Structure formats: C-alpha cells, structure tokens
Amino acid sequence: MSGAAQSPGRQAAAGPALRGLSRFARARGIPAGVEYLLDYDVIEAFCVAGLAGRACSTRGTYRSALYQLARPVHGQPGQRATPFAGAKPPPPYSLADRAELAVIAAAQRDPARRASALAVVVFGIGAGLRPGELAALRGSDVSRRGRQVTVRVGGPAARVVPVTAAYAGRAAGLAAGAGDGHLFRPGPADRGYKNFVTDFARALTADPAAPRLTLSRCRSSFICGHLAAGTPVGKLLAITGICRAESLARYARHVDGAPSKAALRAWDRRHQAR
C-alpha cells in the first residue's frame, strides 16, 4: 500500500494504529482482508470507540495514519470524520527561560550528563530537532563553515538545518567533544525508546520553580523564532521537516504577525497544485 508521503508523526503512528485496528476488528468478527480492515467505517469505529480512553490528539493522529493507508484501497473518504481536538501547541521558552535552562544543564554534576542536557537545549532550541532525531545525532552530523553551523538530520524527515546563531558555537563545541559518537547520552542505549529524551530531561537536577526542560517546547521555540523573523514558509518547512504549511498554525498562534491558519492552508493549496 502506498500513497502520498506521510509526516514523520504519522509514519511512526501507522504501525501501532494498524495493530490496534486489527485487534479491534478481530474482537468484532470483521474479516481480516485489507478491504475490510481499512474500510473507513471500521477505522472510524476504532478511533471513536476502540480508542475512547486515549487523548484526542492520539486518536486524530491514528486516524490520519489509517486514512492514508486506506486511500489506495478505497479512494477518498466520502464521510465527514468525527472531530478530535488536536494537541495543544507547546509554548516557546522566553529568553529568561532559555538562559535558566542553560544554567540547569551546566549545573549537572556528571560531565556526560551536563553535555547531554546542553544538547537538548542547543539542538532543540537551536535546530528544532525531534526526540528521535536528537537521539540519533552524532558529532559527525554537525558541520561548521565560518560562523555558520549546520546539522545533518537523518530519518524520515532528512534535512540539513542551519543552527540559530545564538547556539551555533555551543553546537560546534558539543560536536567536537563527541567526535563520531552520539551527542545525546553516548554509549549503548535503546535509542528507539519513545521516552528516551523525555525521561532524561525529567530526571535532571533543578530547582522545582525552574522551567521544565522538554524537547517539544525547545522545538516550538525554534519554529516560533523563525516565524517571528519572517522566514519564508517553504524554507521553514524544509528545515523543520514539516510536510504541510497548515501544521505551522499551532505554533503561529504564539507569534504576533505570523501567517494565519487560512493563509497557511492557501499556501498548501498553491504548492500542491504545482
């Protein structure tokens, strides 16, 4: 089964969503054939009833992934899907928060822990990496030419990202220290574990009143910074690995003067037609 390219989030959700749909269908006696399993009514019943205890954003992501798989089999859906509220957009860190996060990273007692904490800040706020992208990042993926530092990101959303100037020097320094090794938590580790970065950040030593370090807010800070700077939509999609301009709307609401959701949808329509 193939179709239009899926976003990294939908690609990651496709496997769990399909396994859950299969269990749901078996429990209700639905035949195992693809044409039955990926029927839009079966998918809708699974997302509404089978995932009743899951977050709305998860249900919406699973449905999007399953609809993408169903289109080559059944064509475009002829029904209006049950609305699920999307995940709330993570707010970017303020300048004061960013300074405090850097202090928190520097305050970790173990040198390796300090470097990993700083990597979350630098490559999250400075390059907008996702958790899996940070976990896979090696020192050799970071390049410097003059004052410009770039990060070569692998995976489903492969791209080259220019590091924000304020973080470029620290990014290059961390990369030099890591060499060919991993920048975040070097050594043997289960880098496919979905909470690999989250669990580390949650366990950092910090004042309870300090801002909590999360990669989602770091990435939001990177994206919002580019929206505030007026980075062209096409370039911003390229360096963030986001597939559709409309997906930027959840970040744009944090930025005065950023493009509206309607304007971003219009951008998608213009560029899909080319």
Protein backbone atom coordinates (compact mmCIF):
# COMPACT_ATOMS: atom_id res chain seq x y z
CA MET A 1 0.00 0.00 0.00
CA SER A 2 1.38 3.38 -0.90
CA GLY A 3 0.11 6.91 -1.17
CA ALA A 4 1.17 10.45 -0.52
CA ALA A 5 4.12 10.96 1.77
CA GLN A 6 3.21 10.89 5.42
CA SER A 7 4.64 13.17 8.06
CA PRO A 8 7.14 11.57 10.47
CA GLY A 9 4.47 11.60 13.19
CA ARG A 10 2.01 9.71 11.03
CA GLN A 11 4.68 7.28 9.87
CA ALA A 12 5.53 6.50 13.48
CA ALA A 13 1.83 6.06 14.34
CA ALA A 14 0.99 3.81 11.38
CA GLY A 15 2.31 0.58 12.93
CA PRO A 16 0.64 0.92 16.37
CA ALA A 17 -2.55 2.19 14.74
CA LEU A 18 -2.76 -0.75 12.34
CA ARG A 19 -2.08 -3.27 15.11
CA GLY A 20 -4.76 -1.70 17.28
CA LEU A 21 -7.22 -1.64 14.39
CA SER A 22 -6.54 -5.35 13.71
CA ARG A 23 -7.24 -6.28 17.35
CA PHE A 24 -10.40 -4.16 17.31
CA ALA A 25 -11.61 -5.80 14.09
CA ARG A 26 -10.88 -9.37 15.27
CA ALA A 27 -12.81 -8.80 18.50
CA ARG A 28 -15.85 -7.81 16.44
CA GLY A 29 -15.64 -10.61 13.89
CA ILE A 30 -14.66 -8.37 10.97
CA PRO A 31 -12.89 -10.34 8.18
CA ALA A 32 -9.12 -9.99 8.08
CA GLY A 33 -8.82 -8.83 4.45
CA VAL A 34 -7.35 -5.39 3.82
CA GLU A 35 -10.52 -4.24 2.06
CA TYR A 36 -12.50 -4.94 5.26
CA LEU A 37 -9.90 -3.86 7.80
CA LEU A 38 -9.26 -0.50 6.11
CA ASP A 39 -12.89 0.29 5.48
CA TYR A 40 -13.45 3.90 6.56
CA ASP A 41 -16.39 2.95 8.78
CA VAL A 42 -14.23 0.37 10.59
CA ILE A 43 -11.46 2.93 11.05
CA GLU A 44 -13.93 5.48 12.38
CA ALA A 45 -15.46 2.99 14.83
CA PHE A 46 -11.97 2.06 16.05
CA CYS A 47 -10.95 5.69 16.61
CA VAL A 48 -14.21 6.67 18.32
CA ALA A 49 -14.98 3.52 20.35
CA GLY A 50 -11.78 1.49 20.35
CA LEU A 51 -9.63 4.42 21.46
CA ALA A 52 -12.17 6.00 23.78
CA GLY A 53 -9.68 6.29 26.64
CA ARG A 54 -6.88 7.84 24.58
CA ALA A 55 -6.08 11.51 24.14
CA CYS A 56 -7.94 13.28 21.33
CA SER A 57 -4.67 14.16 19.66
CA THR A 58 -3.62 10.47 19.62
CA ARG A 59 -6.97 9.42 18.17
CA GLY A 60 -6.67 12.05 15.47
CA THR A 61 -3.10 11.03 14.61
CA TYR A 62 -4.04 7.33 14.41
CA ARG A 63 -7.00 8.11 12.18
CA SER A 64 -4.89 10.25 9.85
CA ALA A 65 -2.33 7.44 9.55
CA LEU A 66 -5.02 4.83 8.85
CA TYR A 67 -6.84 7.04 6.35
CA GLN A 68 -3.54 7.42 4.49
CA LEU A 69 -3.29 3.62 4.26
CA ALA A 70 -6.94 3.27 3.24
CA ARG A 71 -6.91 5.73 0.32
CA PRO A 72 -5.12 3.40 -2.15
CA VAL A 73 -7.69 0.71 -1.31
CA HIS A 74 -10.95 2.70 -1.13
CA GLY A 75 -10.18 6.12 -2.58
CA GLN A 76 -11.04 9.35 -0.81
CA PRO A 77 -13.37 9.02 2.21
CA GLY A 78 -16.93 10.05 1.46
CA GLN A 79 -17.79 10.80 5.09
CA ARG A 80 -17.05 13.59 7.49
CA ALA A 81 -14.86 12.32 10.30
CA THR A 82 -15.71 12.78 13.97
CA PRO A 83 -13.80 15.87 15.10
CA PHE A 84 -10.98 15.31 17.58
CA ALA A 85 -9.27 18.26 19.20
CA GLY A 86 -5.57 18.47 18.31
CA ALA A 87 -2.78 18.59 20.84
CA LYS A 88 -2.35 21.97 22.46
CA PRO A 89 0.55 23.85 20.93
CA PRO A 90 3.58 23.88 23.24
CA PRO A 91 4.54 27.47 24.11
CA PRO A 92 8.06 28.62 23.26
CA TYR A 93 10.50 29.42 26.05
CA SER A 94 11.08 33.06 26.91
CA LEU A 95 14.60 34.48 26.74
CA ALA A 96 14.81 34.30 30.54
CA ASP A 97 13.68 30.66 30.48
CA ARG A 98 16.33 29.79 27.89
CA ALA A 99 19.07 31.31 30.00
CA GLU A 100 17.86 29.37 33.04
CA LEU A 101 17.75 26.11 31.07
CA ALA A 102 21.37 26.61 30.06
CA VAL A 103 22.26 27.14 33.72
CA ILE A 104 20.39 23.96 34.69
CA ALA A 105 22.34 22.00 32.08
CA ALA A 106 25.66 23.41 33.30
CA ALA A 107 24.78 22.57 36.91
CA GLN A 108 24.57 18.80 36.36
CA ARG A 109 27.39 17.11 38.30
CA ASP A 110 28.40 14.43 35.81
CA PRO A 111 30.21 15.78 32.68
CA ALA A 112 28.38 13.41 30.32
CA ARG A 113 25.06 14.40 31.87
CA ARG A 114 25.95 18.08 31.51
CA ALA A 115 26.76 17.60 27.83
CA SER A 116 23.54 15.68 27.17
CA ALA A 117 21.41 18.26 28.97
CA LEU A 118 23.05 21.03 26.99
CA ALA A 119 22.49 19.06 23.77
CA VAL A 120 18.74 19.07 24.45
CA VAL A 121 18.80 22.86 24.80
CA VAL A 122 21.18 23.58 21.92
CA PHE A 123 19.82 21.20 19.30
CA GLY A 124 16.21 21.67 20.43
CA ILE A 125 16.03 25.46 20.55
CA GLY A 126 18.89 25.98 18.10
CA ALA A 127 17.93 23.40 15.44
CA GLY A 128 14.37 22.25 16.25
CA LEU A 129 15.17 18.53 16.41
CA ARG A 130 12.57 15.94 17.35
CA PRO A 131 13.33 13.36 20.10
CA GLY A 132 14.29 10.55 17.72
CA GLU A 133 16.43 12.91 15.69
CA LEU A 134 18.31 14.09 18.77
CA ALA A 135 18.79 10.51 20.00
CA ALA A 136 20.37 9.52 16.67
CA LEU A 137 22.53 12.64 16.26
CA ARG A 138 26.31 12.17 16.13
CA GLY A 139 29.09 14.71 16.35
CA SER A 140 29.99 13.99 12.72
CA ASP A 141 26.49 15.17 11.67
CA VAL A 142 27.39 18.73 12.70
CA SER A 143 29.43 20.87 10.29
CA ARG A 144 30.92 24.32 10.58
CA ARG A 145 31.84 26.74 7.80
CA GLY A 146 32.90 30.10 9.12
CA ARG A 147 30.22 31.28 11.51
CA GLN A 148 27.52 29.00 10.13
CA VAL A 149 26.92 25.66 11.79
CA THR A 150 24.61 23.11 10.20
CA VAL A 151 23.11 19.83 11.39
CA ARG A 152 22.52 16.92 9.03
CA VAL A 153 19.36 15.18 10.22
CA GLY A 154 18.60 11.61 9.17
CA GLY A 155 15.40 9.58 9.37
CA PRO A 156 12.01 10.08 7.69
CA ALA A 157 12.39 13.89 7.63
CA ALA A 158 16.02 14.01 6.46
CA ARG A 159 17.25 17.56 6.01
CA VAL A 160 20.08 20.00 6.73
CA VAL A 161 19.32 22.59 9.42
CA PRO A 162 21.25 25.84 9.95
CA VAL A 163 21.72 26.23 13.70
CA THR A 164 20.39 29.51 15.11
CA ALA A 165 23.31 31.91 15.55
CA ALA A 166 22.96 32.15 19.34
CA TYR A 167 23.51 28.36 19.64
CA ALA A 168 25.97 27.78 16.79
CA GLY A 169 29.15 27.98 18.89
CA ARG A 170 27.84 25.63 21.56
CA ALA A 171 26.58 23.19 18.89
CA ALA A 172 30.03 23.07 17.29
CA GLY A 173 31.70 22.63 20.68
CA LEU A 174 29.44 19.73 21.66
CA ALA A 175 30.04 18.09 18.28
CA ALA A 176 33.82 18.41 18.63
CA GLY A 177 33.65 16.76 22.05
CA ALA A 178 31.51 13.88 20.76
CA GLY A 179 33.55 13.12 17.64
CA ASP A 180 31.84 10.30 15.75
CA GLY A 181 29.86 9.29 18.83
CA HIS A 182 26.32 10.19 19.81
CA LEU A 183 25.84 13.71 21.12
CA PHE A 184 22.98 12.78 23.44
CA ARG A 185 23.59 10.08 26.06
CA PRO A 186 26.59 8.45 24.32
CA GLY A 187 27.16 4.75 24.66
CA PRO A 188 24.90 1.69 24.32
CA ALA A 189 21.23 2.60 24.70
CA ASP A 190 17.78 1.82 23.33
CA ARG A 191 17.56 4.85 21.08
CA GLY A 192 14.23 3.74 19.66
CA TYR A 193 12.53 4.04 23.06
CA LYS A 194 9.98 6.82 22.62
CA ASN A 195 10.64 8.43 26.03
CA PHE A 196 14.44 8.24 25.71
CA VAL A 197 14.82 12.03 25.79
CA THR A 198 11.81 12.79 27.98
CA ASP A 199 12.87 10.50 30.82
CA PHE A 200 16.36 12.01 30.84
CA ALA A 201 15.09 15.60 30.91
CA ARG A 202 12.57 14.80 33.65
CA ALA A 203 15.33 13.46 35.92
CA LEU A 204 17.62 16.50 35.67
CA THR A 205 18.62 18.16 38.92
CA ALA A 206 16.87 21.54 39.03
CA ASP A 207 15.02 23.93 41.29
CA PRO A 208 11.31 22.97 41.41
CA ALA A 209 10.44 26.52 40.39
CA ALA A 210 12.68 26.43 37.30
CA PRO A 211 11.18 25.93 33.84
CA ARG A 212 10.87 22.28 32.90
CA LEU A 213 13.08 21.21 30.02
CA THR A 214 11.09 19.49 27.26
CA LEU A 215 12.15 18.95 23.69
CA SER A 216 8.66 19.85 22.44
CA ARG A 217 8.98 23.35 23.89
CA CYS A 218 12.54 23.62 22.58
CA ARG A 219 11.33 22.76 19.08
CA SER A 220 8.44 25.20 19.47
CA SER A 221 10.96 27.92 20.39
CA PHE A 222 12.94 27.19 17.21
CA ILE A 223 9.86 27.29 14.98
CA CYS A 224 8.35 30.36 16.63
CA GLY A 225 11.67 32.16 16.36
CA HIS A 226 11.69 31.62 12.60
CA LEU A 227 8.03 32.67 12.30
CA ALA A 228 8.81 35.86 14.21
CA ALA A 229 11.82 36.50 11.97
CA GLY A 230 9.68 36.15 8.84
CA THR A 231 11.43 33.07 7.47
CA PRO A 232 9.64 32.09 4.22
CA VAL A 233 7.16 29.26 4.69
CA GLY A 234 8.87 26.97 2.16
CA LYS A 235 12.25 27.33 3.84
CA LEU A 236 10.73 26.82 7.30
CA LEU A 237 9.05 23.59 6.19
CA ALA A 238 12.35 22.39 4.74
CA ILE A 239 14.41 22.99 7.89
CA THR A 240 11.78 21.68 10.32
CA GLY A 241 10.81 18.56 8.36
CA ILE A 242 7.14 19.56 8.50
CA CYS A 243 5.18 18.42 5.45
CA ARG A 244 2.27 20.88 5.34
CA ALA A 245 2.21 24.61 5.98
CA GLU A 246 -1.09 24.27 7.86
CA SER A 247 0.79 22.35 10.57
CA LEU A 248 2.64 25.58 11.40
CA ALA A 249 -0.62 27.17 12.57
CA ARG A 250 -0.35 25.59 16.04
CA TYR A 251 2.92 27.49 16.51
CA ALA A 252 1.88 30.66 14.70
CA ARG A 253 -0.72 31.43 17.36
CA HIS A 254 2.17 32.23 19.71
CA VAL A 255 3.70 34.78 17.32
CA ASP A 256 2.28 38.23 16.61
CA GLY A 257 2.12 38.90 12.89
CA ALA A 258 2.66 35.25 11.88
CA PRO A 259 0.61 33.87 8.95
CA SER A 260 -2.96 32.85 9.82
CA LYS A 261 -4.20 29.29 9.51
CA ALA A 262 -6.20 30.32 6.43
CA ALA A 263 -3.08 31.80 4.83
CA LEU A 264 -1.10 28.64 5.57
CA ARG A 265 -3.86 26.48 4.08
CA ALA A 266 -3.82 28.68 0.98
CA TRP A 267 -0.04 28.18 0.75
CA ASP A 268 -0.57 24.42 0.81
CA ARG A 269 -3.19 24.61 -1.95
CA ARG A 270 -0.94 26.71 -4.19
CA HIS A 271 2.05 24.42 -3.80
CA GLN A 272 0.11 21.15 -4.05
CA ALA A 273 -1.25 22.31 -7.37
CA ARG A 274 2.27 22.71 -8.85
